């Protein structure tokens, strides 16, 4: 299946970071906390600043917890490097782009970041979260469920749990996310550097 086109017109219609943030209805407090706590190494900023101009389109939705950390990180990297023009599209309103970048060929995972050169040739796409973080969080999630029989099975929707149990579980899961965010951020930047290095070589 051919890649869906990205054009200057479609890119211009996409949201800027500030426009997206202004429209957020969920996770705004956590999103702004990510803005305050992001750390990007100076050497990473210098690396991206030396690249040719790049366009980046992020497919996401404001309920996505992975995007809460990743999108502010990408926006800060774009701002400080000066070489990345960042725009945001809602996943569910852009199924052609999303379905061309399914995780494992099956899942509409977000955030998905698609990179383009100045001629709108796709350079590659980065999906959801770094592999090492995905594996670490999955292991820690299993440990949380195993720590308390009241949580039931990880395959059981948490919405079916009694309110106090569900709130305790969600707090534990969010703590894992917060504690692994520094690793997630550094690995995100590393993986994107690697992706673009191969595409621009």
N, C-alpha and C. Protein backbone atom coordinates (compact mmCIF):
# COMPACT_ATOMS: atom_id res chain seq x y z
N UNK A 1 0.84 -1.18 0.00
CA UNK A 1 0.00 0.00 0.00
C UNK A 1 0.88 1.24 0.00
N UNK A 2 0.65 2.20 -0.88
CA UNK A 2 1.49 3.39 -0.92
C UNK A 2 1.31 4.24 0.33
N UNK A 3 2.36 4.94 0.69
CA UNK A 3 2.28 5.83 1.85
C UNK A 3 1.31 6.96 1.57
N UNK A 4 0.48 7.35 2.53
CA UNK A 4 -0.41 8.50 2.32
C UNK A 4 0.42 9.76 2.16
N UNK A 5 -0.04 10.68 1.34
CA UNK A 5 0.78 11.86 1.08
C UNK A 5 0.78 12.84 2.24
N UNK A 6 1.92 13.43 2.45
CA UNK A 6 2.00 14.61 3.31
C UNK A 6 2.38 15.77 2.39
N UNK A 7 1.66 16.83 2.47
CA UNK A 7 1.89 17.98 1.62
C UNK A 7 2.07 19.22 2.49
N UNK A 8 2.56 20.26 1.87
CA UNK A 8 2.70 21.52 2.60
C UNK A 8 1.35 22.01 3.11
N UNK A 9 0.31 21.79 2.31
CA UNK A 9 -1.02 22.26 2.70
C UNK A 9 -1.54 21.48 3.91
N UNK A 10 -1.38 20.16 3.88
CA UNK A 10 -1.85 19.34 5.00
C UNK A 10 -1.06 19.66 6.26
N UNK A 11 0.22 19.85 6.11
CA UNK A 11 1.08 20.17 7.25
C UNK A 11 0.66 21.52 7.85
N UNK A 12 0.37 22.48 7.00
CA UNK A 12 0.00 23.81 7.49
C UNK A 12 -1.33 23.79 8.23
N UNK A 13 -2.20 22.85 7.88
CA UNK A 13 -3.50 22.76 8.57
C UNK A 13 -3.39 22.06 9.92
N UNK A 14 -2.29 21.34 10.15
CA UNK A 14 -2.10 20.64 11.42
C UNK A 14 -1.90 21.66 12.54
N UNK A 15 -2.08 21.19 13.77
CA UNK A 15 -1.97 22.08 14.92
C UNK A 15 -0.52 22.33 15.30
N UNK A 16 -0.24 23.54 15.70
CA UNK A 16 1.04 23.79 16.36
C UNK A 16 0.95 23.23 17.78
N UNK A 17 2.09 23.16 18.43
CA UNK A 17 2.12 22.66 19.80
C UNK A 17 1.22 23.50 20.71
N UNK A 18 1.31 24.81 20.60
CA UNK A 18 0.51 25.69 21.46
C UNK A 18 -0.98 25.54 21.16
N UNK A 19 -1.33 25.36 19.89
CA UNK A 19 -2.74 25.17 19.54
C UNK A 19 -3.27 23.86 20.11
N UNK A 20 -2.46 22.81 20.01
CA UNK A 20 -2.87 21.52 20.57
C UNK A 20 -3.08 21.63 22.07
N UNK A 21 -2.12 22.24 22.74
CA UNK A 21 -2.20 22.36 24.20
C UNK A 21 -3.44 23.14 24.61
N UNK A 22 -3.77 24.21 23.88
CA UNK A 22 -4.93 25.02 24.22
C UNK A 22 -6.24 24.24 24.08
N UNK A 23 -6.24 23.20 23.25
CA UNK A 23 -7.45 22.40 23.02
C UNK A 23 -7.54 21.17 23.93
N UNK A 24 -6.53 20.95 24.75
CA UNK A 24 -6.53 19.75 25.59
C UNK A 24 -7.69 19.77 26.57
N UNK A 25 -8.36 18.63 26.70
CA UNK A 25 -9.44 18.46 27.65
C UNK A 25 -9.08 17.49 28.77
N UNK A 26 -8.01 16.72 28.57
CA UNK A 26 -7.58 15.73 29.56
C UNK A 26 -6.07 15.83 29.77
N UNK A 27 -5.62 15.50 30.98
CA UNK A 27 -4.19 15.38 31.31
C UNK A 27 -3.42 16.70 31.24
N UNK A 28 -4.11 17.83 31.29
CA UNK A 28 -3.42 19.12 31.15
C UNK A 28 -2.39 19.34 32.28
N UNK A 29 -2.76 19.02 33.54
CA UNK A 29 -1.83 19.23 34.65
C UNK A 29 -0.57 18.39 34.50
N UNK A 30 -0.75 17.12 34.13
CA UNK A 30 0.42 16.24 33.97
C UNK A 30 1.24 16.66 32.75
N UNK A 31 0.59 17.14 31.74
CA UNK A 31 1.28 17.63 30.55
C UNK A 31 2.19 18.81 30.92
N UNK A 32 1.66 19.74 31.70
CA UNK A 32 2.45 20.90 32.10
C UNK A 32 3.56 20.53 33.08
N UNK A 33 3.32 19.49 33.88
CA UNK A 33 4.39 19.00 34.75
C UNK A 33 5.54 18.43 33.91
N UNK A 34 5.22 17.75 32.83
CA UNK A 34 6.26 17.26 31.93
C UNK A 34 7.04 18.41 31.32
N UNK A 35 6.35 19.48 30.97
CA UNK A 35 7.04 20.65 30.43
C UNK A 35 8.06 21.20 31.42
N UNK A 36 7.69 21.19 32.70
CA UNK A 36 8.57 21.76 33.72
C UNK A 36 9.76 20.87 34.05
N UNK A 37 9.61 19.57 33.86
CA UNK A 37 10.63 18.64 34.35
C UNK A 37 11.46 17.96 33.25
N UNK A 38 11.15 18.22 31.99
CA UNK A 38 11.94 17.62 30.92
C UNK A 38 13.40 18.01 31.00
N UNK A 39 14.25 17.04 30.73
CA UNK A 39 15.69 17.30 30.69
C UNK A 39 16.23 16.78 29.36
N UNK A 40 16.84 17.66 28.59
CA UNK A 40 17.47 17.29 27.32
C UNK A 40 18.94 17.66 27.39
N UNK A 41 19.81 16.73 27.10
CA UNK A 41 21.24 16.98 27.20
C UNK A 41 21.69 18.00 26.15
N UNK A 42 22.60 18.88 26.51
CA UNK A 42 23.10 19.86 25.54
C UNK A 42 23.67 19.21 24.29
N UNK A 43 24.31 18.05 24.44
CA UNK A 43 24.89 17.39 23.27
C UNK A 43 23.81 16.88 22.32
N UNK A 44 22.65 16.54 22.86
CA UNK A 44 21.55 16.13 21.98
C UNK A 44 20.97 17.33 21.23
N UNK A 45 20.84 18.44 21.92
CA UNK A 45 20.38 19.67 21.26
C UNK A 45 21.34 20.04 20.14
N UNK A 46 22.65 19.97 20.41
CA UNK A 46 23.66 20.31 19.41
C UNK A 46 23.58 19.37 18.21
N UNK A 47 23.34 18.09 18.47
CA UNK A 47 23.23 17.12 17.38
C UNK A 47 22.07 17.47 16.45
N UNK A 48 20.89 17.73 17.02
CA UNK A 48 19.73 18.05 16.19
C UNK A 48 19.88 19.41 15.52
N UNK A 49 20.55 20.33 16.18
CA UNK A 49 20.76 21.65 15.59
C UNK A 49 21.63 21.58 14.34
N UNK A 50 22.45 20.55 14.23
CA UNK A 50 23.34 20.40 13.07
C UNK A 50 22.66 19.68 11.90
N UNK A 51 21.44 19.18 12.09
CA UNK A 51 20.74 18.47 11.02
C UNK A 51 20.11 19.44 10.03
N UNK A 52 19.85 18.98 8.82
CA UNK A 52 19.08 19.82 7.88
C UNK A 52 17.65 19.97 8.39
N UNK A 53 16.89 20.93 7.86
CA UNK A 53 15.52 21.13 8.32
C UNK A 53 14.67 19.86 8.19
N UNK A 54 13.89 19.59 9.23
CA UNK A 54 13.06 18.39 9.30
C UNK A 54 11.64 18.81 9.70
N UNK A 55 10.65 18.17 9.09
CA UNK A 55 9.26 18.33 9.54
C UNK A 55 8.88 17.10 10.34
N UNK A 56 8.18 17.30 11.43
CA UNK A 56 7.72 16.18 12.26
C UNK A 56 6.23 16.31 12.50
N UNK A 57 5.50 15.25 12.20
CA UNK A 57 4.06 15.21 12.44
C UNK A 57 3.78 14.18 13.53
N UNK A 58 3.13 14.61 14.60
CA UNK A 58 2.80 13.72 15.71
C UNK A 58 1.32 13.36 15.64
N UNK A 59 1.04 12.07 15.59
CA UNK A 59 -0.33 11.59 15.70
C UNK A 59 -0.59 11.24 17.16
N UNK A 60 -1.63 11.82 17.75
CA UNK A 60 -1.88 11.58 19.17
C UNK A 60 -3.32 11.92 19.52
N UNK A 61 -3.66 11.74 20.79
CA UNK A 61 -4.92 12.17 21.39
C UNK A 61 -4.60 12.59 22.82
N UNK A 62 -5.39 13.50 23.38
CA UNK A 62 -4.99 14.04 24.68
C UNK A 62 -5.20 13.08 25.84
N UNK A 63 -5.91 11.97 25.61
CA UNK A 63 -6.04 10.97 26.68
C UNK A 63 -4.83 10.05 26.79
N UNK A 64 -3.93 10.14 25.83
CA UNK A 64 -2.79 9.21 25.76
C UNK A 64 -1.74 9.56 26.82
N UNK A 65 -1.52 8.64 27.76
CA UNK A 65 -0.55 8.90 28.83
C UNK A 65 0.88 8.93 28.32
N UNK A 66 1.20 8.16 27.29
CA UNK A 66 2.56 8.21 26.75
C UNK A 66 2.86 9.57 26.13
N UNK A 67 1.86 10.17 25.52
CA UNK A 67 2.06 11.48 24.90
C UNK A 67 2.27 12.58 25.93
N UNK A 68 1.78 12.36 27.15
CA UNK A 68 1.93 13.36 28.21
C UNK A 68 3.41 13.67 28.45
N UNK A 69 4.25 12.66 28.37
CA UNK A 69 5.69 12.87 28.55
C UNK A 69 6.39 13.19 27.24
N UNK A 70 6.01 12.50 26.17
CA UNK A 70 6.76 12.57 24.92
C UNK A 70 6.55 13.87 24.16
N UNK A 71 5.32 14.34 24.09
CA UNK A 71 5.05 15.52 23.26
C UNK A 71 5.74 16.77 23.78
N UNK A 72 5.69 17.07 25.09
CA UNK A 72 6.46 18.22 25.58
C UNK A 72 7.96 18.08 25.34
N UNK A 73 8.47 16.86 25.44
CA UNK A 73 9.88 16.61 25.16
C UNK A 73 10.23 16.96 23.72
N UNK A 74 9.42 16.48 22.78
CA UNK A 74 9.66 16.76 21.37
C UNK A 74 9.55 18.25 21.07
N UNK A 75 8.57 18.91 21.68
CA UNK A 75 8.40 20.34 21.45
C UNK A 75 9.61 21.12 21.96
N UNK A 76 10.13 20.73 23.11
CA UNK A 76 11.30 21.42 23.65
C UNK A 76 12.54 21.16 22.79
N UNK A 77 12.68 19.93 22.29
CA UNK A 77 13.79 19.62 21.41
C UNK A 77 13.68 20.43 20.12
N UNK A 78 12.48 20.55 19.59
CA UNK A 78 12.27 21.34 18.37
C UNK A 78 12.60 22.81 18.61
N UNK A 79 12.15 23.33 19.73
CA UNK A 79 12.39 24.74 20.05
C UNK A 79 13.87 25.04 20.21
N UNK A 80 14.55 24.18 20.94
CA UNK A 80 15.95 24.45 21.24
C UNK A 80 16.88 24.15 20.07
N UNK A 81 16.55 23.19 19.24
CA UNK A 81 17.43 22.86 18.11
C UNK A 81 17.22 23.81 16.94
N UNK A 82 15.98 24.26 16.75
CA UNK A 82 15.69 25.18 15.64
C UNK A 82 15.61 24.53 14.28
N UNK A 83 15.73 23.19 14.21
CA UNK A 83 15.72 22.51 12.91
C UNK A 83 14.48 21.65 12.69
N UNK A 84 13.66 21.47 13.73
CA UNK A 84 12.48 20.60 13.62
C UNK A 84 11.22 21.45 13.63
N UNK A 85 10.45 21.36 12.57
CA UNK A 85 9.15 22.03 12.50
C UNK A 85 8.10 21.00 12.91
N UNK A 86 7.49 21.22 14.06
CA UNK A 86 6.61 20.22 14.68
C UNK A 86 5.14 20.60 14.49
N UNK A 87 4.35 19.62 14.07
CA UNK A 87 2.90 19.80 13.96
C UNK A 87 2.20 18.58 14.54
N UNK A 88 0.94 18.74 14.93
CA UNK A 88 0.21 17.68 15.61
C UNK A 88 -1.13 17.44 14.93
N UNK A 89 -1.44 16.16 14.72
CA UNK A 89 -2.72 15.74 14.16
C UNK A 89 -3.37 14.74 15.11
N UNK A 90 -4.69 14.80 15.20
CA UNK A 90 -5.39 13.82 16.01
C UNK A 90 -5.44 12.48 15.28
N UNK A 91 -5.10 11.43 16.00
CA UNK A 91 -5.06 10.09 15.41
C UNK A 91 -6.37 9.71 14.75
N UNK A 92 -7.46 9.90 15.47
CA UNK A 92 -8.74 9.37 14.99
C UNK A 92 -9.31 10.16 13.83
N UNK A 93 -8.75 11.34 13.57
CA UNK A 93 -9.18 12.13 12.43
C UNK A 93 -8.28 11.93 11.21
N UNK A 94 -7.24 11.13 11.37
CA UNK A 94 -6.27 10.92 10.29
C UNK A 94 -5.95 9.44 10.15
N UNK A 95 -6.96 8.62 9.86
CA UNK A 95 -6.74 7.17 9.80
C UNK A 95 -5.79 6.74 8.69
N UNK A 96 -5.69 7.52 7.61
CA UNK A 96 -4.78 7.12 6.53
C UNK A 96 -3.34 7.14 7.00
N UNK A 97 -2.95 8.19 7.73
CA UNK A 97 -1.58 8.27 8.26
C UNK A 97 -1.36 7.22 9.34
N UNK A 98 -2.35 7.07 10.22
CA UNK A 98 -2.19 6.13 11.32
C UNK A 98 -2.07 4.70 10.82
N UNK A 99 -2.94 4.32 9.89
CA UNK A 99 -2.95 2.93 9.44
C UNK A 99 -1.74 2.57 8.57
N UNK A 100 -1.01 3.58 8.14
CA UNK A 100 0.24 3.31 7.43
C UNK A 100 1.42 3.16 8.38
N UNK A 101 1.16 3.35 9.69
CA UNK A 101 2.24 3.27 10.68
C UNK A 101 1.79 2.49 11.91
N UNK A 102 1.15 1.37 11.69
CA UNK A 102 0.66 0.55 12.79
C UNK A 102 1.82 -0.14 13.51
N UNK A 103 1.75 -0.19 14.81
CA UNK A 103 2.76 -0.90 15.58
C UNK A 103 2.56 -2.40 15.39
N UNK A 104 3.61 -3.07 14.95
CA UNK A 104 3.51 -4.50 14.68
C UNK A 104 2.53 -4.83 13.58
N UNK A 105 2.19 -3.83 12.76
CA UNK A 105 1.24 -4.03 11.68
C UNK A 105 -0.20 -4.19 12.14
N UNK A 106 -0.45 -3.93 13.46
CA UNK A 106 -1.79 -4.20 14.01
C UNK A 106 -2.35 -3.06 14.86
N UNK A 107 -1.50 -2.36 15.60
CA UNK A 107 -2.01 -1.48 16.65
C UNK A 107 -1.83 -0.01 16.29
N UNK A 108 -2.87 0.78 16.57
CA UNK A 108 -2.83 2.23 16.34
C UNK A 108 -2.18 2.91 17.55
N UNK A 109 -0.93 2.61 17.77
CA UNK A 109 -0.23 3.10 18.96
C UNK A 109 0.13 4.57 18.81
N UNK A 110 -0.02 5.30 19.89
CA UNK A 110 0.34 6.71 19.90
C UNK A 110 1.11 7.03 21.18
N UNK A 111 1.93 8.10 21.12
CA UNK A 111 2.14 8.96 19.96
C UNK A 111 2.96 8.27 18.87
N UNK A 112 2.64 8.61 17.64
CA UNK A 112 3.44 8.20 16.49
C UNK A 112 4.00 9.46 15.86
N UNK A 113 5.31 9.51 15.69
CA UNK A 113 5.97 10.69 15.15
C UNK A 113 6.55 10.34 13.78
N UNK A 114 6.08 11.03 12.75
CA UNK A 114 6.52 10.78 11.38
C UNK A 114 7.40 11.94 10.94
N UNK A 115 8.59 11.61 10.46
CA UNK A 115 9.55 12.64 10.07
C UNK A 115 9.62 12.76 8.55
N UNK A 116 9.72 14.00 8.06
CA UNK A 116 9.80 14.28 6.62
C UNK A 116 10.95 15.24 6.34
N UNK A 117 11.51 15.11 5.14
CA UNK A 117 12.51 16.09 4.73
C UNK A 117 11.81 17.28 4.09
N UNK A 118 12.58 18.20 3.55
CA UNK A 118 12.00 19.44 3.02
C UNK A 118 11.15 19.19 1.77
N UNK A 119 11.33 18.04 1.12
CA UNK A 119 10.54 17.70 -0.07
C UNK A 119 9.39 16.76 0.25
N UNK A 120 9.09 16.57 1.54
CA UNK A 120 7.99 15.74 2.01
C UNK A 120 8.21 14.26 1.76
N UNK A 121 9.46 13.86 1.63
CA UNK A 121 9.79 12.44 1.62
C UNK A 121 9.85 11.96 3.08
N UNK A 122 9.22 10.83 3.35
CA UNK A 122 9.23 10.33 4.72
C UNK A 122 10.60 9.77 5.07
N UNK A 123 11.12 10.21 6.22
CA UNK A 123 12.42 9.75 6.70
C UNK A 123 12.28 8.56 7.63
N UNK A 124 11.12 8.39 8.22
CA UNK A 124 10.89 7.30 9.15
C UNK A 124 9.86 7.70 10.18
N UNK A 125 9.47 6.75 11.01
CA UNK A 125 8.48 7.00 12.04
C UNK A 125 8.92 6.36 13.35
N UNK A 126 8.64 7.05 14.43
CA UNK A 126 8.93 6.57 15.79
C UNK A 126 7.60 6.36 16.49
N UNK A 127 7.43 5.18 17.14
CA UNK A 127 6.12 4.82 17.67
C UNK A 127 6.11 4.65 19.19
N UNK A 128 5.23 5.31 19.84
CA UNK A 128 4.74 5.09 21.21
C UNK A 128 5.76 5.35 22.31
N UNK A 129 6.73 4.45 22.45
CA UNK A 129 7.71 4.59 23.52
C UNK A 129 8.93 3.74 23.18
N UNK A 130 10.08 4.01 23.81
CA UNK A 130 11.27 3.20 23.55
C UNK A 130 11.07 1.74 23.95
N UNK A 131 11.71 0.84 23.22
CA UNK A 131 11.56 -0.59 23.46
C UNK A 131 11.98 -0.97 24.88
N UNK A 132 13.09 -0.43 25.35
CA UNK A 132 13.59 -0.80 26.68
C UNK A 132 12.62 -0.34 27.76
N UNK A 133 11.97 0.79 27.55
CA UNK A 133 11.01 1.31 28.52
C UNK A 133 9.73 0.49 28.48
N UNK A 134 9.31 0.11 27.30
CA UNK A 134 8.12 -0.74 27.14
C UNK A 134 8.29 -2.03 27.93
N UNK A 135 9.46 -2.65 27.79
CA UNK A 135 9.73 -3.91 28.48
C UNK A 135 9.82 -3.71 29.99
N UNK A 136 10.47 -2.64 30.43
CA UNK A 136 10.62 -2.36 31.86
C UNK A 136 9.25 -2.10 32.50
N UNK A 137 8.45 -1.26 31.87
CA UNK A 137 7.14 -0.95 32.44
C UNK A 137 6.23 -2.17 32.47
N UNK A 138 6.33 -3.02 31.46
CA UNK A 138 5.52 -4.24 31.45
C UNK A 138 5.89 -5.14 32.63
N UNK A 139 7.19 -5.25 32.91
CA UNK A 139 7.63 -6.08 34.05
C UNK A 139 7.17 -5.49 35.37
N UNK A 140 7.31 -4.16 35.52
CA UNK A 140 6.90 -3.51 36.77
C UNK A 140 5.38 -3.57 36.94
N UNK A 141 4.65 -3.52 35.85
CA UNK A 141 3.19 -3.63 35.91
C UNK A 141 2.78 -5.01 36.42
N UNK A 142 3.46 -6.03 35.94
CA UNK A 142 3.18 -7.38 36.41
C UNK A 142 3.46 -7.50 37.90
N UNK A 143 4.53 -6.86 38.36
CA UNK A 143 4.88 -6.91 39.79
C UNK A 143 3.82 -6.22 40.64
N UNK A 144 3.27 -5.11 40.13
CA UNK A 144 2.22 -4.41 40.88
C UNK A 144 0.99 -5.30 41.03
N UNK A 145 0.57 -5.91 39.95
CA UNK A 145 -0.60 -6.79 40.01
C UNK A 145 -0.36 -7.98 40.94
N UNK A 146 0.86 -8.50 40.91
CA UNK A 146 1.17 -9.65 41.77
C UNK A 146 1.25 -9.27 43.24
N UNK A 147 1.42 -7.99 43.53
CA UNK A 147 1.60 -7.55 44.92
C UNK A 147 0.30 -7.49 45.71
N UNK A 148 -0.84 -7.52 45.02
CA UNK A 148 -2.12 -7.38 45.72
C UNK A 148 -3.20 -8.16 44.97
N UNK A 149 -3.71 -9.24 45.56
CA UNK A 149 -4.74 -10.04 44.89
C UNK A 149 -6.00 -9.24 44.54
N UNK A 150 -6.24 -8.14 45.26
CA UNK A 150 -7.43 -7.33 44.99
C UNK A 150 -7.39 -6.70 43.60
N UNK A 151 -6.19 -6.57 43.02
CA UNK A 151 -6.07 -5.97 41.69
C UNK A 151 -6.57 -6.90 40.60
N UNK A 152 -6.66 -8.19 40.90
CA UNK A 152 -7.11 -9.15 39.90
C UNK A 152 -6.05 -9.38 38.83
N UNK A 153 -6.49 -9.67 37.63
CA UNK A 153 -5.60 -9.96 36.52
C UNK A 153 -5.32 -8.70 35.69
N UNK A 154 -4.09 -8.57 35.17
CA UNK A 154 -3.81 -7.44 34.27
C UNK A 154 -4.71 -7.40 33.04
N UNK A 155 -5.29 -8.54 32.72
CA UNK A 155 -6.17 -8.61 31.54
C UNK A 155 -7.60 -8.16 31.85
N UNK A 156 -7.90 -7.96 33.12
CA UNK A 156 -9.23 -7.52 33.52
C UNK A 156 -9.27 -5.99 33.53
N UNK A 157 -10.23 -5.37 32.87
CA UNK A 157 -10.30 -3.90 32.87
C UNK A 157 -10.37 -3.35 34.30
N UNK A 158 -9.54 -2.38 34.60
CA UNK A 158 -9.50 -1.83 35.96
C UNK A 158 -10.79 -1.11 36.31
N UNK A 159 -11.56 -0.72 35.30
CA UNK A 159 -12.84 -0.05 35.56
C UNK A 159 -13.83 -0.98 36.27
N UNK A 160 -13.56 -2.27 36.26
CA UNK A 160 -14.45 -3.23 36.93
C UNK A 160 -14.11 -3.38 38.41
N UNK A 161 -13.03 -2.77 38.86
CA UNK A 161 -12.62 -2.88 40.27
C UNK A 161 -13.41 -1.91 41.14
N UNK A 162 -13.56 -2.20 42.42
CA UNK A 162 -14.16 -1.22 43.34
C UNK A 162 -13.36 0.08 43.33
N UNK A 163 -14.02 1.18 43.55
CA UNK A 163 -13.37 2.49 43.44
C UNK A 163 -12.07 2.61 44.24
N UNK A 164 -12.06 2.24 45.54
CA UNK A 164 -10.80 2.39 46.30
C UNK A 164 -9.66 1.54 45.74
N UNK A 165 -9.97 0.34 45.30
CA UNK A 165 -8.95 -0.55 44.73
C UNK A 165 -8.44 0.02 43.41
N UNK A 166 -9.37 0.45 42.58
CA UNK A 166 -8.98 1.01 41.29
C UNK A 166 -8.09 2.24 41.47
N UNK A 167 -8.44 3.12 42.40
CA UNK A 167 -7.64 4.32 42.63
C UNK A 167 -6.25 3.97 43.14
N UNK A 168 -6.17 2.96 44.01
CA UNK A 168 -4.86 2.53 44.52
C UNK A 168 -4.01 1.94 43.40
N UNK A 169 -4.64 1.16 42.53
CA UNK A 169 -3.93 0.57 41.40
C UNK A 169 -3.44 1.65 40.45
N UNK A 170 -4.31 2.56 40.10
CA UNK A 170 -3.92 3.63 39.17
C UNK A 170 -2.78 4.47 39.74
N UNK A 171 -2.81 4.73 41.04
CA UNK A 171 -1.73 5.50 41.66
C UNK A 171 -0.41 4.75 41.56
N UNK A 172 -0.44 3.45 41.77
CA UNK A 172 0.78 2.64 41.67
C UNK A 172 1.31 2.61 40.25
N UNK A 173 0.41 2.46 39.29
CA UNK A 173 0.83 2.42 37.89
C UNK A 173 1.38 3.78 37.45
N UNK A 174 0.76 4.85 37.92
CA UNK A 174 1.26 6.17 37.53
C UNK A 174 2.63 6.45 38.17
N UNK A 175 2.84 5.94 39.38
CA UNK A 175 4.15 6.12 40.02
C UNK A 175 5.24 5.45 39.20
N UNK A 176 4.95 4.26 38.68
CA UNK A 176 5.92 3.57 37.80
C UNK A 176 6.22 4.44 36.59
N UNK A 177 5.18 5.01 35.99
CA UNK A 177 5.38 5.86 34.81
C UNK A 177 6.26 7.05 35.14
N UNK A 178 5.97 7.70 36.27
CA UNK A 178 6.76 8.88 36.65
C UNK A 178 8.22 8.51 36.92
N UNK A 179 8.42 7.39 37.60
CA UNK A 179 9.79 6.99 37.96
C UNK A 179 10.60 6.57 36.74
N UNK A 180 9.95 6.11 35.69
CA UNK A 180 10.67 5.68 34.50
C UNK A 180 10.70 6.76 33.41
N UNK A 181 10.12 7.92 33.68
CA UNK A 181 10.08 8.98 32.66
C UNK A 181 11.48 9.48 32.27
N UNK A 182 12.42 9.71 33.21
CA UNK A 182 13.75 10.15 32.77
C UNK A 182 14.40 9.17 31.78
N UNK A 183 14.29 7.87 32.07
CA UNK A 183 14.82 6.87 31.14
C UNK A 183 14.06 6.93 29.81
N UNK A 184 12.75 7.07 29.89
CA UNK A 184 11.95 7.14 28.67
C UNK A 184 12.37 8.33 27.80
N UNK A 185 12.58 9.48 28.43
CA UNK A 185 12.97 10.66 27.67
C UNK A 185 14.33 10.49 27.00
N UNK A 186 15.30 9.99 27.76
CA UNK A 186 16.65 9.85 27.17
C UNK A 186 16.65 8.81 26.06
N UNK A 187 15.91 7.72 26.25
CA UNK A 187 15.84 6.69 25.21
C UNK A 187 15.06 7.16 23.98
N UNK A 188 14.04 7.99 24.20
CA UNK A 188 13.29 8.54 23.07
C UNK A 188 14.21 9.37 22.18
N UNK A 189 14.97 10.25 22.80
CA UNK A 189 15.90 11.09 22.03
C UNK A 189 16.94 10.22 21.33
N UNK A 190 17.45 9.21 22.03
CA UNK A 190 18.46 8.35 21.43
C UNK A 190 17.90 7.60 20.22
N UNK A 191 16.68 7.03 20.36
CA UNK A 191 16.10 6.28 19.26
C UNK A 191 15.79 7.17 18.06
N UNK A 192 15.33 8.39 18.32
CA UNK A 192 15.05 9.30 17.21
C UNK A 192 16.35 9.73 16.53
N UNK A 193 17.39 9.98 17.31
CA UNK A 193 18.69 10.27 16.71
C UNK A 193 19.12 9.14 15.79
N UNK A 194 18.98 7.92 16.27
CA UNK A 194 19.38 6.75 15.49
C UNK A 194 18.54 6.62 14.22
N UNK A 195 17.24 6.82 14.34
CA UNK A 195 16.36 6.74 13.19
C UNK A 195 16.75 7.74 12.11
N UNK A 196 16.95 8.98 12.52
CA UNK A 196 17.27 10.03 11.55
C UNK A 196 18.67 9.88 10.99
N UNK A 197 19.60 9.38 11.80
CA UNK A 197 20.96 9.17 11.30
C UNK A 197 20.97 8.20 10.14
N UNK A 198 20.17 7.13 10.27
CA UNK A 198 20.09 6.17 9.16
C UNK A 198 19.43 6.76 7.93
N UNK A 199 18.37 7.57 8.15
CA UNK A 199 17.63 8.13 7.02
C UNK A 199 18.39 9.22 6.29
N UNK A 200 19.21 9.94 7.03
CA UNK A 200 19.93 11.09 6.45
C UNK A 200 21.35 10.73 6.02
N UNK A 201 21.75 9.48 6.24
CA UNK A 201 23.12 9.09 5.90
C UNK A 201 23.36 9.17 4.40
